[in-house]
Amino acid sequence: MTPKENAKQRAIFLKKLREEHKDTVARTQTLLKEQKALRREICKHNRDEPKTIPELAELSGIPAGEVLWHITAMKKYGLVAEAGMCGEYYLYQRVE
């Protein structure tokens, strides 16, 4: 099979797969959009100076557990870094 035929066959297979799982794909896309919106909201309050999880939760109106989850994910991917301590809480700063 030539590379062109292989690519065409793969495209047909992926189209069929997307069609079979369109509900799951739609739910996943919606969830990803919601998560991006939450992360933007968290980052909006974290641009100028480092803040703790409780401060970010209060400013954004997002529950502290969700803020912690998003901050942990952003830290894993280098979007946020620890910037010291404030009492018993870590301060988190957005990485530019």
Foldseek 3Di string as FASTA:
>chain_A
DDPVVVVVVVVVVVVVVCVVCVVVVVVVVVVVVVLVVLLVLLQVVQAPHWDFLVVSCVSSVNDSVVSVVSQVVCVVVQQKDFDQDDVPTTTIHGDD
